[in-house]
Amino acid sequence: MVGNKDFSQYLAAARAKQGVAAPKTKAMSPLNLGGGGQNKGFEPLSWLVDILSRPMRATENVSSTLLDEDLKRKKARAAGLSYDEAGGAFNVLTAPVRGLFSTDPKDQPTGADIVEKQFDVSNFETPGYIDVKDNVNPVEKGAAGLAIDIAMDPLTYIPGAQIAKGAQLAG
């Protein structure tokens, strides 16, 4: 993504700015087989990246859900309310499945999202702490997020998967 545009839109805008005509291609089938974003049809490279990222999403969604439940528990305690332990356990137990199969961005956290949530959970009870979006140093968040993405991706630990991951990074 470049801003709010995907790469094909960015490329089309750059070609139009330079006065270069877009190459003539056949339109692909509007089937939504995964990848390519919402309602964009099938894009093979995007689909491959999506499939290769799913194991990482499953593991990172567990961590993200654990942090969400911890924050809910702290907020309930601070408000003097009870916390639904069974509901929280259910959310954590279903997190890997949601991470693998869901297309909801909430169920596809990144390492940077986990760093942000951990910062919020850790500082929730700090007097004067106000939770705002992007309240973590962006360099630290990016570096720690990348480390989390690599460490939590099960394909990191499968030797043959390194070739596929290299292709994913190159694409």
C-alpha atoms as a PDB file:
ATOM      1  CA  MET A   1       0.000   0.000   0.000  1.00  0.00           C
ATOM      2  CA  VAL A   2       1.187   3.486  -0.825  1.00  0.00           C
ATOM      3  CA  GLY A   3      -0.944   5.841   1.244  1.00  0.00           C
ATOM      4  CA  ASN A   4      -4.543   4.760   0.705  1.00  0.00           C
ATOM      5  CA  LYS A   5      -3.841   3.353  -2.747  1.00  0.00           C
ATOM      6  CA  ASP A   6      -2.663  -0.071  -3.687  1.00  0.00           C
ATOM      7  CA  PHE A   7       0.396  -0.310  -5.924  1.00  0.00           C
ATOM      8  CA  SER A   8      -1.567  -0.707  -9.173  1.00  0.00           C
ATOM      9  CA  GLN A   9      -3.442   2.553  -8.505  1.00  0.00           C
ATOM     10  CA  TYR A  10      -0.181   4.283  -7.610  1.00  0.00           C
ATOM     11  CA  LEU A  11       1.445   3.000 -10.809  1.00  0.00           C
ATOM     12  CA  ALA A  12      -1.514   4.129 -12.929  1.00  0.00           C
ATOM     13  CA  ALA A  13      -1.370   7.618 -11.388  1.00  0.00           C
ATOM     14  CA  ALA A  14       2.404   7.830 -12.004  1.00  0.00           C
ATOM     15  CA  ARG A  15       1.952   6.750 -15.646  1.00  0.00           C
ATOM     16  CA  ALA A  16      -0.818   9.291 -16.147  1.00  0.00           C
ATOM     17  CA  LYS A  17       1.379  12.048 -14.671  1.00  0.00           C
ATOM     18  CA  GLN A  18       4.167  11.164 -17.117  1.00  0.00           C
ATOM     19  CA  GLY A  19       1.783  10.816 -20.059  1.00  0.00           C
ATOM     20  CA  VAL A  20       2.548   7.104 -20.514  1.00  0.00           C
ATOM     21  CA  ALA A  21      -0.355   4.906 -21.536  1.00  0.00           C
ATOM     22  CA  ALA A  22      -1.093   1.852 -19.404  1.00  0.00           C
ATOM     23  CA  PRO A  23      -0.396  -1.460 -21.145  1.00  0.00           C
ATOM     24  CA  LYS A  24      -3.408  -3.260 -22.580  1.00  0.00           C
ATOM     25  CA  THR A  25      -4.229  -6.332 -20.521  1.00  0.00           C
ATOM     26  CA  LYS A  26      -7.159  -8.662 -20.212  1.00  0.00           C
ATOM     27  CA  ALA A  27      -9.343  -8.065 -17.194  1.00  0.00           C
ATOM     28  CA  MET A  28      -9.133 -10.820 -14.625  1.00  0.00           C
ATOM     29  CA  SER A  29     -12.157 -12.651 -13.297  1.00  0.00           C
ATOM     30  CA  PRO A  30     -13.951 -10.780 -10.505  1.00  0.00           C
ATOM     31  CA  LEU A  31     -13.839 -13.865  -8.295  1.00  0.00           C
ATOM     32  CA  ASN A  32     -12.754 -13.066  -4.767  1.00  0.00           C
ATOM     33  CA  LEU A  33     -10.440 -15.976  -3.979  1.00  0.00           C
ATOM     34  CA  GLY A  34      -8.484 -14.186  -1.292  1.00  0.00           C
ATOM     35  CA  GLY A  35      -5.751 -11.628  -1.598  1.00  0.00           C
ATOM     36  CA  GLY A  36      -6.033  -8.473  -3.639  1.00  0.00           C
ATOM     37  CA  GLY A  37      -7.948  -6.601  -0.971  1.00  0.00           C
ATOM     38  CA  GLN A  38     -11.661  -6.148  -0.715  1.00  0.00           C
ATOM     39  CA  ASN A  39     -13.723  -6.622  -3.873  1.00  0.00           C
ATOM     40  CA  LYS A  40     -10.717  -6.431  -6.181  1.00  0.00           C
ATOM     41  CA  GLY A  41     -10.798  -9.932  -7.526  1.00  0.00           C
ATOM     42  CA  PHE A  42      -8.008 -12.445  -7.660  1.00  0.00           C
ATOM     43  CA  GLU A  43      -4.434 -11.141  -7.733  1.00  0.00           C
ATOM     44  CA  PRO A  44      -1.971 -14.071  -7.609  1.00  0.00           C
ATOM     45  CA  LEU A  45       0.946 -12.368  -5.823  1.00  0.00           C
ATOM     46  CA  SER A  46      -1.301 -10.732  -3.271  1.00  0.00           C
ATOM     47  CA  TRP A  47      -3.036 -14.055  -2.698  1.00  0.00           C
ATOM     48  CA  LEU A  48       0.315 -15.811  -2.167  1.00  0.00           C
ATOM     49  CA  VAL A  49       1.474 -13.193   0.343  1.00  0.00           C
ATOM     50  CA  ASP A  50      -1.868 -13.503   2.133  1.00  0.00           C
ATOM     51  CA  ILE A  51      -1.586 -17.299   2.378  1.00  0.00           C
ATOM     52  CA  LEU A  52       2.050 -17.180   3.562  1.00  0.00           C
ATOM     53  CA  SER A  53       1.152 -14.583   6.211  1.00  0.00           C
ATOM     54  CA  ARG A  54      -1.696 -16.557   7.775  1.00  0.00           C
ATOM     55  CA  PRO A  55       0.382 -18.658  10.222  1.00  0.00           C
ATOM     56  CA  MET A  56       1.968 -15.452  11.521  1.00  0.00           C
ATOM     57  CA  ARG A  57      -1.474 -13.856  11.858  1.00  0.00           C
ATOM     58  CA  ALA A  58      -2.660 -16.826  13.900  1.00  0.00           C
ATOM     59  CA  THR A  59       0.183 -16.569  16.421  1.00  0.00           C
ATOM     60  CA  GLU A  60       0.137 -12.775  16.574  1.00  0.00           C
ATOM     61  CA  ASN A  61      -3.645 -12.755  17.008  1.00  0.00           C
ATOM     62  CA  VAL A  62      -3.234 -14.873  20.154  1.00  0.00           C
ATOM     63  CA  SER A  63      -0.788 -12.327  21.615  1.00  0.00           C
ATOM     64  CA  SER A  64      -2.996  -9.426  20.587  1.00  0.00           C
ATOM     65  CA  THR A  65      -6.092 -11.048  22.103  1.00  0.00           C
ATOM     66  CA  LEU A  66      -4.251 -11.803  25.356  1.00  0.00           C
ATOM     67  CA  LEU A  67      -3.280  -8.124  25.595  1.00  0.00           C
ATOM     68  CA  ASP A  68      -6.860  -7.035  24.797  1.00  0.00           C
ATOM     69  CA  GLU A  69      -8.249  -9.310  27.523  1.00  0.00           C
ATOM     70  CA  ASP A  70      -5.670  -8.063  30.034  1.00  0.00           C
ATOM     71  CA  LEU A  71      -6.641  -4.471  29.278  1.00  0.00           C
ATOM     72  CA  LYS A  72     -10.368  -5.325  29.620  1.00  0.00           C
ATOM     73  CA  ARG A  73      -9.634  -6.966  32.979  1.00  0.00           C
ATOM     74  CA  LYS A  74      -7.723  -3.887  34.203  1.00  0.00           C
ATOM     75  CA  LYS A  75     -10.464  -1.517  33.022  1.00  0.00           C
ATOM     76  CA  ALA A  76     -13.153  -3.601  34.748  1.00  0.00           C
ATOM     77  CA  ARG A  77     -11.129  -3.685  37.970  1.00  0.00           C
ATOM     78  CA  ALA A  78     -10.586   0.096  37.811  1.00  0.00           C
ATOM     79  CA  ALA A  79     -14.334   0.676  37.336  1.00  0.00           C
ATOM     80  CA  GLY A  80     -15.222  -1.780  40.126  1.00  0.00           C
ATOM     81  CA  LEU A  81     -16.962  -4.143  37.692  1.00  0.00           C
ATOM     82  CA  SER A  82     -16.594  -7.870  37.241  1.00  0.00           C
ATOM     83  CA  TYR A  83     -14.695  -9.328  34.299  1.00  0.00           C
ATOM     84  CA  ASP A  84     -16.081 -12.220  32.252  1.00  0.00           C
ATOM     85  CA  GLU A  85     -13.284 -14.806  32.603  1.00  0.00           C
ATOM     86  CA  ALA A  86     -15.091 -17.418  30.484  1.00  0.00           C
ATOM     87  CA  GLY A  87     -15.649 -14.970  27.623  1.00  0.00           C
ATOM     88  CA  GLY A  88     -12.030 -13.869  27.781  1.00  0.00           C
ATOM     89  CA  ALA A  89     -10.810 -17.464  27.694  1.00  0.00           C
ATOM     90  CA  PHE A  90     -13.060 -18.192  24.725  1.00  0.00           C
ATOM     91  CA  ASN A  91     -11.656 -15.171  22.857  1.00  0.00           C
ATOM     92  CA  VAL A  92      -8.088 -16.358  23.483  1.00  0.00           C
ATOM     93  CA  LEU A  93      -8.858 -19.961  22.481  1.00  0.00           C
ATOM     94  CA  THR A  94     -10.503 -18.899  19.209  1.00  0.00           C
ATOM     95  CA  ALA A  95      -7.818 -16.316  18.346  1.00  0.00           C
ATOM     96  CA  PRO A  96      -5.616 -18.662  16.237  1.00  0.00           C
ATOM     97  CA  VAL A  97      -8.572 -19.735  14.101  1.00  0.00           C
ATOM     98  CA  ARG A  98      -9.679 -16.139  13.603  1.00  0.00           C
ATOM     99  CA  GLY A  99      -6.103 -15.194  12.708  1.00  0.00           C
ATOM    100  CA  LEU A 100      -5.887 -17.965  10.106  1.00  0.00           C
ATOM    101  CA  PHE A 101      -9.229 -17.482   8.391  1.00  0.00           C
ATOM    102  CA  SER A 102     -10.637 -14.031   9.170  1.00  0.00           C
ATOM    103  CA  THR A 103     -10.430 -11.151   6.723  1.00  0.00           C
ATOM    104  CA  ASP A 104     -11.246  -8.645   9.469  1.00  0.00           C
ATOM    105  CA  PRO A 105      -8.212  -6.349   9.985  1.00  0.00           C
ATOM    106  CA  LYS A 106      -8.838  -6.536  13.746  1.00  0.00           C
ATOM    107  CA  ASP A 107      -7.893 -10.235  13.577  1.00  0.00           C
ATOM    108  CA  GLN A 108      -4.723  -9.568  11.549  1.00  0.00           C
ATOM    109  CA  PRO A 109      -2.460  -7.658  13.927  1.00  0.00           C
ATOM    110  CA  THR A 110       1.160  -6.898  13.123  1.00  0.00           C
ATOM    111  CA  GLY A 111       4.138  -6.863  15.439  1.00  0.00           C
ATOM    112  CA  ALA A 112       3.869  -3.071  15.622  1.00  0.00           C
ATOM    113  CA  ASP A 113       0.234  -3.406  16.763  1.00  0.00           C
ATOM    114  CA  ILE A 114       1.360  -5.760  19.528  1.00  0.00           C
ATOM    115  CA  VAL A 115       4.053  -3.291  20.653  1.00  0.00           C
ATOM    116  CA  GLU A 116       1.423  -0.529  20.791  1.00  0.00           C
ATOM    117  CA  LYS A 117      -1.003  -2.680  22.791  1.00  0.00           C
ATOM    118  CA  GLN A 118       1.704  -3.821  25.193  1.00  0.00           C
ATOM    119  CA  PHE A 119       2.641  -0.199  25.841  1.00  0.00           C
ATOM    120  CA  ASP A 120      -1.012   0.641  26.535  1.00  0.00           C
ATOM    121  CA  VAL A 121      -1.535  -2.353  28.853  1.00  0.00           C
ATOM    122  CA  SER A 122       1.705  -1.677  30.734  1.00  0.00           C
ATOM    123  CA  ASN A 123       0.917   1.988  31.301  1.00  0.00           C
ATOM    124  CA  PHE A 124      -2.846   1.753  31.910  1.00  0.00           C
ATOM    125  CA  GLU A 125      -2.520   2.071  35.679  1.00  0.00           C
ATOM    126  CA  THR A 126       0.136   4.807  35.481  1.00  0.00           C
ATOM    127  CA  PRO A 127      -1.308   8.058  36.890  1.00  0.00           C
ATOM    128  CA  GLY A 128      -1.872  10.619  34.161  1.00  0.00           C
ATOM    129  CA  TYR A 129      -1.472   8.128  31.300  1.00  0.00           C
ATOM    130  CA  ILE A 130      -3.704   8.901  28.321  1.00  0.00           C
ATOM    131  CA  ASP A 131      -4.039   6.281  25.611  1.00  0.00           C
ATOM    132  CA  VAL A 132      -3.656   7.873  22.187  1.00  0.00           C
ATOM    133  CA  LYS A 133      -2.968   6.244  18.852  1.00  0.00           C
ATOM    134  CA  ASP A 134       0.733   5.949  17.991  1.00  0.00           C
ATOM    135  CA  ASN A 135       2.019   6.870  21.446  1.00  0.00           C
ATOM    136  CA  VAL A 136       5.134   4.714  21.041  1.00  0.00           C
ATOM    137  CA  ASN A 137       8.350   6.014  19.475  1.00  0.00           C
ATOM    138  CA  PRO A 138       7.969   5.046  15.770  1.00  0.00           C
ATOM    139  CA  VAL A 139      11.569   3.785  15.417  1.00  0.00           C
ATOM    140  CA  GLU A 140      11.297   1.565  18.496  1.00  0.00           C
ATOM    141  CA  LYS A 141       7.831   0.415  17.453  1.00  0.00           C
ATOM    142  CA  GLY A 142       9.062  -0.462  13.958  1.00  0.00           C
ATOM    143  CA  ALA A 143      12.179  -2.295  15.129  1.00  0.00           C
ATOM    144  CA  ALA A 144      10.407  -4.220  17.890  1.00  0.00           C
ATOM    145  CA  GLY A 145       7.449  -4.882  15.581  1.00  0.00           C
ATOM    146  CA  LEU A 146       9.710  -6.368  12.914  1.00  0.00           C
ATOM    147  CA  ALA A 147      11.425  -8.562  15.506  1.00  0.00           C
ATOM    148  CA  ILE A 148       8.023  -9.775  16.724  1.00  0.00           C
ATOM    149  CA  ASP A 149       6.848 -10.444  13.156  1.00  0.00           C
ATOM    150  CA  ILE A 150       9.924 -12.570  12.452  1.00  0.00           C
ATOM    151  CA  ALA A 151       9.953 -14.391  15.786  1.00  0.00           C
ATOM    152  CA  MET A 152       6.229 -15.185  15.808  1.00  0.00           C
ATOM    153  CA  ASP A 153       6.023 -16.439  12.232  1.00  0.00           C
ATOM    154  CA  PRO A 154       6.116 -20.252  12.351  1.00  0.00           C
ATOM    155  CA  LEU A 155       7.485 -20.317   8.789  1.00  0.00           C
ATOM    156  CA  THR A 156      10.674 -18.723  10.130  1.00  0.00           C
ATOM    157  CA  TYR A 157      11.547 -22.058  11.699  1.00  0.00           C
ATOM    158  CA  ILE A 158      10.865 -24.250   8.639  1.00  0.00           C
ATOM    159  CA  PRO A 159      13.994 -24.333   6.409  1.00  0.00           C
ATOM    160  CA  GLY A 160      12.228 -24.698   3.036  1.00  0.00           C
ATOM    161  CA  ALA A 161       9.828 -21.879   3.833  1.00  0.00           C
ATOM    162  CA  GLN A 162      12.684 -19.359   3.723  1.00  0.00           C
ATOM    163  CA  ILE A 163      12.608 -19.484  -0.076  1.00  0.00           C
ATOM    164  CA  ALA A 164       8.889 -18.713  -0.130  1.00  0.00           C
ATOM    165  CA  LYS A 165       9.310 -15.936   2.416  1.00  0.00           C
ATOM    166  CA  GLY A 166      12.142 -14.456   0.332  1.00  0.00           C
ATOM    167  CA  ALA A 167       9.842 -14.418  -2.670  1.00  0.00           C
ATOM    168  CA  GLN A 168       7.192 -12.739  -0.514  1.00  0.00           C
ATOM    169  CA  LEU A 169       9.588  -9.982   0.537  1.00  0.00           C
ATOM    170  CA  ALA A 170      10.809  -9.506  -3.024  1.00  0.00           C
ATOM    171  CA  GLY A 171       7.235  -9.163  -4.328  1.00  0.00           C
END
